[in-house]
Amino acid sequence: MSAARPFPFSPRSTLFFLGFCLVTLWNDFGTARTAVANEASAVLAANAFSMQLGHSGPFRQILTAYAHSVVEEEWPDMDAKLTMNGHTHQLVLDVWRAYLTLAPTDKHDNILYANLGNVLLEAARQRNARALLLSGNIYTPVWVVIVFGFFGSVLALLCANPDQEGWQLVMEFVVVFTVLSCIYLSTISAHRFPGCCMWRPMPLPTPCPACRSIRP
């Protein structure tokens, strides 16, 4: 029976690199979830602020249309095409145009009008955050390192254990399975919105009933 050989360095370094990538990617899932929730909160706050301004019915109608468009149009495009929806973007512009028409004549409403503008700006920031998250952050050089690391790990295991005893085969299978699992998780979590681990737009429909329940 041959003496046990030390565990090769290549699989360990590859697993460490993959683990670092997975931790980074899964942290971004929290960022995506926060962006969606903050966007919904900003839309709801905009609806609440606009209630105090006169003739704000058309503004709230456009705001409701935007919230519906995010769920019904933009989210499917983010899933299938990795792009934002053009109609939703146009509704964003329409919301800002409607906001400009609400400029108060009474100076006492200036603070309320400014607060409305701030929450609309926050909603725009969170939408931009969603757009940036679509591109992912595993770039081509990273994939090159992952692929070469996998094949290097397999080669290192074969060279380090040429006799292929029973327990060594089990350990090699465990290592290869772990590396492949990490690669698979990296591929499905490379984007926060598409794929198996996609964040659904659950918070966004919340403002819509509130917007519709308000009368001009």
Protein backbone atom coordinates (compact mmCIF):
# COMPACT_ATOMS: atom_id res chain seq x y z
CA MET A 1 0.00 0.00 0.00
CA SER A 2 1.43 3.37 -0.98
CA ALA A 3 1.86 6.12 1.55
CA ALA A 4 -0.86 8.72 1.73
CA ARG A 5 -0.01 11.83 -0.24
CA PRO A 6 -0.85 15.35 0.85
CA PHE A 7 -3.99 16.90 -0.55
CA PRO A 8 -2.96 18.81 -3.69
CA PHE A 9 -2.86 22.57 -3.55
CA SER A 10 -4.77 23.22 -6.80
CA PRO A 11 -8.19 21.93 -5.62
CA ARG A 12 -7.87 23.87 -2.37
CA SER A 13 -7.01 27.11 -4.14
CA THR A 14 -9.83 26.61 -6.66
CA LEU A 15 -12.38 25.97 -3.90
CA PHE A 16 -11.18 29.05 -2.02
CA PHE A 17 -11.55 31.19 -5.15
CA LEU A 18 -15.02 29.79 -5.90
CA GLY A 19 -16.07 30.34 -2.30
CA PHE A 20 -14.98 33.96 -2.50
CA CYS A 21 -16.99 34.43 -5.72
CA LEU A 22 -20.10 32.83 -4.19
CA VAL A 23 -19.95 34.99 -1.07
CA THR A 24 -19.70 38.11 -3.24
CA LEU A 25 -22.58 37.02 -5.47
CA TRP A 26 -24.91 36.03 -2.66
CA ASN A 27 -24.29 39.34 -0.91
CA ASP A 28 -25.57 41.03 -4.05
CA PHE A 29 -28.84 39.14 -3.69
CA GLY A 30 -29.46 41.18 -0.58
CA THR A 31 -28.65 44.34 -2.51
CA ALA A 32 -31.21 43.42 -5.16
CA ARG A 33 -33.87 42.67 -2.60
CA THR A 34 -33.25 45.98 -0.84
CA ALA A 35 -33.41 47.89 -4.13
CA VAL A 36 -36.81 46.42 -5.00
CA ALA A 37 -38.23 47.09 -1.53
CA ASN A 38 -36.90 50.66 -1.47
CA GLU A 39 -38.32 51.37 -4.91
CA ALA A 40 -41.76 50.20 -3.80
CA SER A 41 -41.54 52.29 -0.63
CA ALA A 42 -40.57 55.36 -2.64
CA VAL A 43 -43.54 54.90 -5.01
CA LEU A 44 -45.91 54.56 -2.06
CA ALA A 45 -44.41 57.63 -0.39
CA ALA A 46 -44.75 59.62 -3.61
CA ASN A 47 -48.43 58.71 -3.74
CA ALA A 48 -48.90 59.80 -0.13
CA PHE A 49 -47.13 63.14 -0.61
CA SER A 50 -49.02 63.92 -3.80
CA MET A 51 -52.36 63.51 -2.00
CA GLN A 52 -51.71 66.80 -0.24
CA LEU A 53 -51.20 68.71 -3.48
CA GLY A 54 -54.08 69.98 -5.56
CA HIS A 55 -55.03 68.40 -8.88
CA SER A 56 -52.67 65.47 -8.39
CA GLY A 57 -55.02 62.83 -9.83
CA PRO A 58 -53.22 62.55 -13.20
CA PHE A 59 -49.88 62.27 -11.41
CA ARG A 60 -51.09 59.35 -9.29
CA GLN A 61 -52.56 57.64 -12.33
CA ILE A 62 -49.19 57.76 -14.11
CA LEU A 63 -47.47 56.60 -10.92
CA THR A 64 -49.82 53.61 -10.73
CA ALA A 65 -49.19 52.84 -14.40
CA TYR A 66 -45.46 52.87 -13.71
CA ALA A 67 -45.77 50.41 -10.81
CA HIS A 68 -47.86 48.07 -12.94
CA SER A 69 -45.46 48.36 -15.87
CA VAL A 70 -42.50 47.38 -13.68
CA VAL A 71 -44.28 44.17 -12.66
CA GLU A 72 -46.02 43.27 -15.91
CA GLU A 73 -43.54 44.50 -18.54
CA GLU A 74 -40.12 45.37 -17.18
CA TRP A 75 -39.64 42.32 -14.98
CA PRO A 76 -40.28 39.82 -17.83
CA ASP A 77 -37.81 41.76 -20.00
CA MET A 78 -35.22 41.66 -17.22
CA ASP A 79 -35.75 37.91 -17.00
CA ALA A 80 -35.75 37.04 -20.69
CA LYS A 81 -33.63 39.78 -22.30
CA LEU A 82 -31.52 41.15 -19.43
CA THR A 83 -32.72 44.64 -20.39
CA MET A 84 -34.97 47.29 -18.96
CA ASN A 85 -38.32 47.96 -20.62
CA GLY A 86 -38.65 50.96 -22.94
CA HIS A 87 -42.29 51.60 -22.08
CA THR A 88 -41.50 51.61 -18.37
CA HIS A 89 -38.70 54.09 -19.00
CA GLN A 90 -41.14 56.32 -20.85
CA LEU A 91 -43.51 56.16 -17.88
CA VAL A 92 -40.65 57.29 -15.64
CA LEU A 93 -40.29 60.38 -17.82
CA ASP A 94 -44.05 60.89 -17.74
CA VAL A 95 -44.01 60.75 -13.94
CA TRP A 96 -41.42 63.52 -13.84
CA ARG A 97 -43.39 65.62 -16.32
CA ALA A 98 -46.50 65.20 -14.20
CA TYR A 99 -44.48 66.14 -11.13
CA LEU A 100 -43.47 69.43 -12.74
CA THR A 101 -47.13 70.31 -13.29
CA LEU A 102 -47.72 70.02 -9.53
CA ALA A 103 -45.50 72.99 -8.71
CA PRO A 104 -47.40 74.73 -5.88
CA THR A 105 -48.54 78.33 -6.00
CA ASP A 106 -48.71 78.46 -2.22
CA LYS A 107 -45.27 78.74 -0.65
CA HIS A 108 -46.45 76.64 2.29
CA ASP A 109 -46.56 73.62 -0.05
CA ASN A 110 -42.96 74.03 -1.21
CA ILE A 111 -41.59 71.62 1.43
CA LEU A 112 -44.20 69.03 0.50
CA TYR A 113 -43.36 69.47 -3.18
CA ALA A 114 -39.63 69.10 -2.44
CA ASN A 115 -40.28 65.94 -0.43
CA LEU A 116 -42.24 64.50 -3.32
CA GLY A 117 -39.32 65.22 -5.63
CA ASN A 118 -36.91 63.54 -3.22
CA VAL A 119 -38.87 60.29 -3.06
CA LEU A 120 -39.22 60.26 -6.85
CA LEU A 121 -35.46 60.68 -7.09
CA GLU A 122 -35.04 57.77 -4.68
CA ALA A 123 -37.31 55.59 -6.82
CA ALA A 124 -35.20 56.49 -9.88
CA ARG A 125 -32.01 55.58 -8.01
CA GLN A 126 -33.37 52.17 -7.05
CA ARG A 127 -34.49 51.51 -10.63
CA ASN A 128 -30.97 52.34 -11.80
CA ALA A 129 -29.65 49.93 -9.17
CA ARG A 130 -31.81 47.19 -10.70
CA ALA A 131 -30.41 48.02 -14.12
CA LEU A 132 -26.81 47.81 -12.91
CA LEU A 133 -27.42 44.47 -11.21
CA LEU A 134 -28.53 42.94 -14.51
CA SER A 135 -24.98 42.91 -15.84
CA GLY A 136 -23.67 40.71 -13.01
CA ASN A 137 -20.12 40.86 -11.73
CA ILE A 138 -18.48 37.63 -12.93
CA TYR A 139 -16.42 38.82 -15.85
CA THR A 140 -14.65 36.82 -18.55
CA PRO A 141 -11.24 36.67 -16.78
CA VAL A 142 -12.97 35.25 -13.72
CA TRP A 143 -14.59 32.49 -15.78
CA VAL A 144 -11.19 31.71 -17.34
CA VAL A 145 -9.69 31.27 -13.87
CA ILE A 146 -12.62 29.08 -12.80
CA VAL A 147 -12.41 26.80 -15.87
CA PHE A 148 -8.63 26.41 -15.70
CA GLY A 149 -8.87 25.91 -11.94
CA PHE A 150 -11.36 23.06 -12.40
CA PHE A 151 -9.24 21.20 -14.96
CA GLY A 152 -6.12 21.91 -12.91
CA SER A 153 -7.84 20.45 -9.84
CA VAL A 154 -8.77 17.26 -11.69
CA LEU A 155 -5.24 16.91 -13.07
CA ALA A 156 -3.71 17.54 -9.65
CA LEU A 157 -5.89 14.88 -8.07
CA LEU A 158 -4.94 12.32 -10.72
CA CYS A 159 -1.22 13.11 -10.45
CA ALA A 160 -1.22 13.16 -6.66
CA ASN A 161 -3.02 9.81 -6.42
CA PRO A 162 -1.85 7.63 -9.32
CA ASP A 163 -2.73 4.39 -7.54
CA GLN A 164 -6.38 5.44 -7.13
CA GLU A 165 -7.17 3.50 -3.98
CA GLY A 166 -10.77 3.22 -2.78
CA TRP A 167 -10.76 6.03 -0.22
CA GLN A 168 -8.85 8.27 -2.62
CA LEU A 169 -11.52 7.79 -5.30
CA VAL A 170 -14.17 8.81 -2.78
CA MET A 171 -12.23 11.94 -1.84
CA GLU A 172 -11.67 12.84 -5.48
CA PHE A 173 -15.36 12.43 -6.20
CA VAL A 174 -16.24 14.69 -3.26
CA VAL A 175 -13.79 17.37 -4.39
CA VAL A 176 -14.90 17.29 -8.04
CA PHE A 177 -18.57 17.33 -7.02
CA THR A 178 -17.98 20.30 -4.71
CA VAL A 179 -16.12 22.26 -7.37
CA LEU A 180 -18.80 21.57 -9.98
CA SER A 181 -21.52 22.56 -7.50
CA CYS A 182 -19.77 25.85 -6.78
CA ILE A 183 -19.41 26.55 -10.50
CA TYR A 184 -23.10 25.82 -11.04
CA LEU A 185 -24.13 28.11 -8.18
CA SER A 186 -21.88 30.81 -9.63
CA THR A 187 -23.60 30.58 -13.00
CA ILE A 188 -27.14 30.85 -11.62
CA SER A 189 -26.25 33.65 -9.21
CA ALA A 190 -24.20 35.68 -11.67
CA HIS A 191 -27.35 37.77 -12.24
CA ARG A 192 -29.66 38.80 -9.44
CA PHE A 193 -32.92 38.83 -11.35
CA PRO A 194 -32.86 36.07 -14.04
CA GLY A 195 -32.24 32.41 -13.46
CA CYS A 196 -33.28 30.00 -10.73
CA CYS A 197 -32.52 32.40 -7.89
CA MET A 198 -34.36 35.40 -9.30
CA TRP A 199 -35.84 37.94 -6.92
CA ARG A 200 -39.50 38.34 -7.76
CA PRO A 201 -41.09 41.82 -7.77
CA MET A 202 -43.26 41.04 -4.75
CA PRO A 203 -42.99 44.46 -3.03
CA LEU A 204 -43.88 46.46 -6.12
CA PRO A 205 -47.59 45.59 -6.49
CA THR A 206 -48.15 46.91 -2.95
CA PRO A 207 -48.37 50.60 -3.90
CA CYS A 208 -50.85 49.97 -6.72
CA PRO A 209 -54.02 49.38 -4.65
CA ALA A 210 -53.10 52.34 -2.47
CA CYS A 211 -52.67 54.54 -5.54
CA ARG A 212 -55.97 53.37 -7.07
CA SER A 213 -57.88 53.95 -3.83
CA ILE A 214 -57.03 57.64 -3.85
CA ARG A 215 -59.41 60.00 -5.62
CA PRO A 216 -58.21 63.27 -7.19
